[in-house]
Every structure is written in structure tokens, then in C-alpha cells.
Amino acid sequence: MSNINQSNELPPKTCSIERLVTVKPDVEKVIAGIKTATRRNGRYADVGEIMELQGHRFVVQKVYSQSLGELTDEHAKQEGYENVEAYKQSILSYHPGMPWLPHMRVWVHEFSRVQE
């Protein structure tokens, strides 16, 4: 179960959309259509905002809070991974020493390619 909030109930952004997806393998996954969501410890975008990656445009469709304990394999597939364990190992490799706590909350940003 996710806590999906209406955009008028969301707290202020903590970072800009330009920082939403920056790691080269993740950028490639987004462009290839493999990655359709990203989880961050802050809110980086508003619904309807456009993210540009290497000349490709993606629109943010949903932004909501979720605990790490709520992650399913389907969520991991949105992130471009086979399952939660693969996603977890990837995240922990980017953030050495960070604990993976089921109650820790993250912001989910779901997006899709802008059809032009």
C-alpha cells in the first residue's frame, strides 16, 4: 500500500528535477524504457514536470511517499531491476554504510516518455 498524495498536499521540493536521475546506467535504463520510476530521499519533482535526459523528455506522472518495507518486486522492476534484493544491493553500493531500514520513507517519482 502506498500513500499517494494529491499534488496540493505534497511538501516543498527538496531538490530540482535535473538531479532526479543522474547515474549513467540509470539514465540509459530510462531512455531504453526499462526504468519508469526512481526513489529518492527527498522530493525532486512535481506531477507534470518534465525531465530531460540526453535530448529525451519524460513527464512525471506520480509523486508519493513509500517505505522501503513496502517495496515489491514490481516496484523494483519499475526501477530497472529484477527484484527487490537486486535493487537493494544496487542502492547500498551507491551509499556505503547506509542501513536499509524497512520503516525508512522515500519519495517515489513515476514518469513516462513524452510522445512528440
C-alpha atoms as a PDB file:
ATOM      1  CA  MET A   1       0.000   0.000   0.000  1.00  0.00           C
ATOM      2  CA  SER A   2       1.383   3.360  -0.998  1.00  0.00           C
ATOM      3  CA  ASN A   3       0.496   6.700   0.432  1.00  0.00           C
ATOM      4  CA  ILE A   4      -0.384   8.509  -2.761  1.00  0.00           C
ATOM      5  CA  ASN A   5      -0.802  12.206  -2.103  1.00  0.00           C
ATOM      6  CA  GLN A   6      -2.524  14.825  -4.216  1.00  0.00           C
ATOM      7  CA  SER A   7      -0.035  17.348  -5.580  1.00  0.00           C
ATOM      8  CA  ASN A   8      -1.541  20.125  -3.435  1.00  0.00           C
ATOM      9  CA  GLU A   9      -0.745  18.097  -0.300  1.00  0.00           C
ATOM     10  CA  LEU A  10       2.904  17.471  -1.120  1.00  0.00           C
ATOM     11  CA  PRO A  11       5.617  19.214   0.864  1.00  0.00           C
ATOM     12  CA  PRO A  12       8.000  21.571  -0.950  1.00  0.00           C
ATOM     13  CA  LYS A  13      10.605  20.020  -3.235  1.00  0.00           C
ATOM     14  CA  THR A  14      13.986  19.396  -1.631  1.00  0.00           C
ATOM     15  CA  CYS A  15      15.935  19.311  -4.903  1.00  0.00           C
ATOM     16  CA  SER A  16      15.426  20.027  -8.609  1.00  0.00           C
ATOM     17  CA  ILE A  17      14.235  17.647 -11.295  1.00  0.00           C
ATOM     18  CA  GLU A  18      17.643  17.909 -13.001  1.00  0.00           C
ATOM     19  CA  ARG A  19      19.049  15.812 -10.124  1.00  0.00           C
ATOM     20  CA  LEU A  20      16.308  13.145 -10.271  1.00  0.00           C
ATOM     21  CA  VAL A  21      18.175  10.660 -12.498  1.00  0.00           C
ATOM     22  CA  THR A  22      21.907  11.306 -12.864  1.00  0.00           C
ATOM     23  CA  VAL A  23      23.759   7.969 -12.684  1.00  0.00           C
ATOM     24  CA  LYS A  24      24.763   6.940 -16.226  1.00  0.00           C
ATOM     25  CA  PRO A  25      23.386   3.347 -16.077  1.00  0.00           C
ATOM     26  CA  ASP A  26      20.080   4.700 -14.734  1.00  0.00           C
ATOM     27  CA  VAL A  27      19.904   7.377 -17.456  1.00  0.00           C
ATOM     28  CA  GLU A  28      20.413   4.620 -20.045  1.00  0.00           C
ATOM     29  CA  LYS A  29      17.653   2.499 -18.444  1.00  0.00           C
ATOM     30  CA  VAL A  30      15.226   5.444 -18.530  1.00  0.00           C
ATOM     31  CA  ILE A  31      15.975   6.188 -22.195  1.00  0.00           C
ATOM     32  CA  ALA A  32      15.567   2.484 -23.056  1.00  0.00           C
ATOM     33  CA  GLY A  33      12.179   2.402 -21.285  1.00  0.00           C
ATOM     34  CA  ILE A  34      13.388  -0.082 -18.656  1.00  0.00           C
ATOM     35  CA  LYS A  35      13.301   2.354 -15.722  1.00  0.00           C
ATOM     36  CA  THR A  36       9.982   4.181 -15.209  1.00  0.00           C
ATOM     37  CA  ALA A  37      10.370   5.286 -11.589  1.00  0.00           C
ATOM     38  CA  THR A  38      13.020   6.453  -9.190  1.00  0.00           C
ATOM     39  CA  ARG A  39      13.067   6.630  -5.415  1.00  0.00           C
ATOM     40  CA  ARG A  40      14.892   9.406  -3.603  1.00  0.00           C
ATOM     41  CA  ASN A  41      15.206  10.512  -0.002  1.00  0.00           C
ATOM     42  CA  GLY A  42      13.688  13.865  -0.968  1.00  0.00           C
ATOM     43  CA  ARG A  43      11.091  15.203  -3.350  1.00  0.00           C
ATOM     44  CA  TYR A  44      12.718  16.231  -6.642  1.00  0.00           C
ATOM     45  CA  ALA A  45       9.747  16.884  -8.922  1.00  0.00           C
ATOM     46  CA  ASP A  46       6.114  17.866  -9.162  1.00  0.00           C
ATOM     47  CA  VAL A  47       3.480  15.948 -11.114  1.00  0.00           C
ATOM     48  CA  GLY A  48       3.521  17.228 -14.699  1.00  0.00           C
ATOM     49  CA  GLU A  49       7.114  18.431 -14.549  1.00  0.00           C
ATOM     50  CA  ILE A  50       9.364  17.493 -17.483  1.00  0.00           C
ATOM     51  CA  MET A  51      12.721  15.727 -17.069  1.00  0.00           C
ATOM     52  CA  GLU A  52      15.170  15.901 -19.974  1.00  0.00           C
ATOM     53  CA  LEU A  53      17.835  13.223 -20.438  1.00  0.00           C
ATOM     54  CA  GLN A  54      20.162  13.330 -23.461  1.00  0.00           C
ATOM     55  CA  GLY A  55      17.530  15.043 -25.603  1.00  0.00           C
ATOM     56  CA  HIS A  56      14.677  12.771 -24.486  1.00  0.00           C
ATOM     57  CA  ARG A  57      11.770  14.160 -22.474  1.00  0.00           C
ATOM     58  CA  PHE A  58       9.883  12.400 -19.675  1.00  0.00           C
ATOM     59  CA  VAL A  59       6.864  13.658 -17.748  1.00  0.00           C
ATOM     60  CA  VAL A  60       6.443  12.962 -14.042  1.00  0.00           C
ATOM     61  CA  GLN A  61       3.072  11.284 -13.573  1.00  0.00           C
ATOM     62  CA  LYS A  62       3.012  10.409  -9.875  1.00  0.00           C
ATOM     63  CA  VAL A  63       4.897  11.513  -6.772  1.00  0.00           C
ATOM     64  CA  TYR A  64       4.253   9.790  -3.448  1.00  0.00           C
ATOM     65  CA  SER A  65       5.892   8.606  -0.253  1.00  0.00           C
ATOM     66  CA  GLN A  66       6.640   4.920   0.353  1.00  0.00           C
ATOM     67  CA  SER A  67       8.536   2.951   2.989  1.00  0.00           C
ATOM     68  CA  LEU A  68      11.340   0.627   1.935  1.00  0.00           C
ATOM     69  CA  GLY A  69       9.406  -2.185   3.630  1.00  0.00           C
ATOM     70  CA  GLU A  70       6.554  -1.672   1.144  1.00  0.00           C
ATOM     71  CA  LEU A  71       8.762  -2.365  -1.893  1.00  0.00           C
ATOM     72  CA  THR A  72       7.721  -5.301  -4.058  1.00  0.00           C
ATOM     73  CA  ASP A  73       9.429  -6.967  -6.996  1.00  0.00           C
ATOM     74  CA  GLU A  74       7.088  -4.968  -9.258  1.00  0.00           C
ATOM     75  CA  HIS A  75       8.408  -1.740  -7.741  1.00  0.00           C
ATOM     76  CA  ALA A  76      11.971  -2.977  -8.293  1.00  0.00           C
ATOM     77  CA  LYS A  77      11.123  -3.667 -11.952  1.00  0.00           C
ATOM     78  CA  GLN A  78       9.948  -0.031 -12.298  1.00  0.00           C
ATOM     79  CA  GLU A  79      13.456   0.866 -11.136  1.00  0.00           C
ATOM     80  CA  GLY A  80      15.006  -1.403 -13.773  1.00  0.00           C
ATOM     81  CA  TYR A  81      15.920  -4.329 -11.509  1.00  0.00           C
ATOM     82  CA  GLU A  82      14.803  -7.956 -11.472  1.00  0.00           C
ATOM     83  CA  ASN A  83      13.687  -7.929  -7.833  1.00  0.00           C
ATOM     84  CA  VAL A  84      13.838  -6.042  -4.537  1.00  0.00           C
ATOM     85  CA  GLU A  85      17.092  -7.693  -3.474  1.00  0.00           C
ATOM     86  CA  ALA A  86      18.883  -6.611  -6.675  1.00  0.00           C
ATOM     87  CA  TYR A  87      17.553  -3.072  -6.254  1.00  0.00           C
ATOM     88  CA  LYS A  88      18.584  -3.016  -2.578  1.00  0.00           C
ATOM     89  CA  GLN A  89      22.130  -4.167  -3.373  1.00  0.00           C
ATOM     90  CA  SER A  90      22.462  -1.503  -6.058  1.00  0.00           C
ATOM     91  CA  ILE A  91      21.296   1.276  -3.728  1.00  0.00           C
ATOM     92  CA  LEU A  92      23.589   0.122  -0.930  1.00  0.00           C
ATOM     93  CA  SER A  93      26.553   0.058  -3.354  1.00  0.00           C
ATOM     94  CA  TYR A  94      25.908   3.759  -4.127  1.00  0.00           C
ATOM     95  CA  HIS A  95      25.604   4.618  -0.421  1.00  0.00           C
ATOM     96  CA  PRO A  96      28.204   2.603   1.543  1.00  0.00           C
ATOM     97  CA  GLY A  97      27.326   2.303   5.214  1.00  0.00           C
ATOM     98  CA  MET A  98      23.702   3.292   4.694  1.00  0.00           C
ATOM     99  CA  PRO A  99      21.327   0.965   6.534  1.00  0.00           C
ATOM    100  CA  TRP A 100      18.342  -0.500   4.705  1.00  0.00           C
ATOM    101  CA  LEU A 101      15.547   0.103   7.189  1.00  0.00           C
ATOM    102  CA  PRO A 102      12.036  -1.119   6.329  1.00  0.00           C
ATOM    103  CA  HIS A 103      10.453   1.917   8.042  1.00  0.00           C
ATOM    104  CA  MET A 104      12.646   4.416   6.123  1.00  0.00           C
ATOM    105  CA  ARG A 105      10.493   6.516   3.798  1.00  0.00           C
ATOM    106  CA  VAL A 106      11.455   7.600   0.311  1.00  0.00           C
ATOM    107  CA  TRP A 107       9.782   9.675  -2.388  1.00  0.00           C
ATOM    108  CA  VAL A 108       8.689   7.764  -5.480  1.00  0.00           C
ATOM    109  CA  HIS A 109       8.698   9.645  -8.778  1.00  0.00           C
ATOM    110  CA  GLU A 110       6.978   7.758 -11.630  1.00  0.00           C
ATOM    111  CA  PHE A 111       7.456   9.040 -15.169  1.00  0.00           C
ATOM    112  CA  SER A 112       6.903   8.201 -18.823  1.00  0.00           C
ATOM    113  CA  ARG A 113       8.325   9.349 -22.142  1.00  0.00           C
ATOM    114  CA  VAL A 114       6.720  12.423 -23.660  1.00  0.00           C
ATOM    115  CA  GLN A 115       5.252  11.465 -27.038  1.00  0.00           C
ATOM    116  CA  GLU A 116       6.280  14.152 -29.518  1.00  0.00           C
END
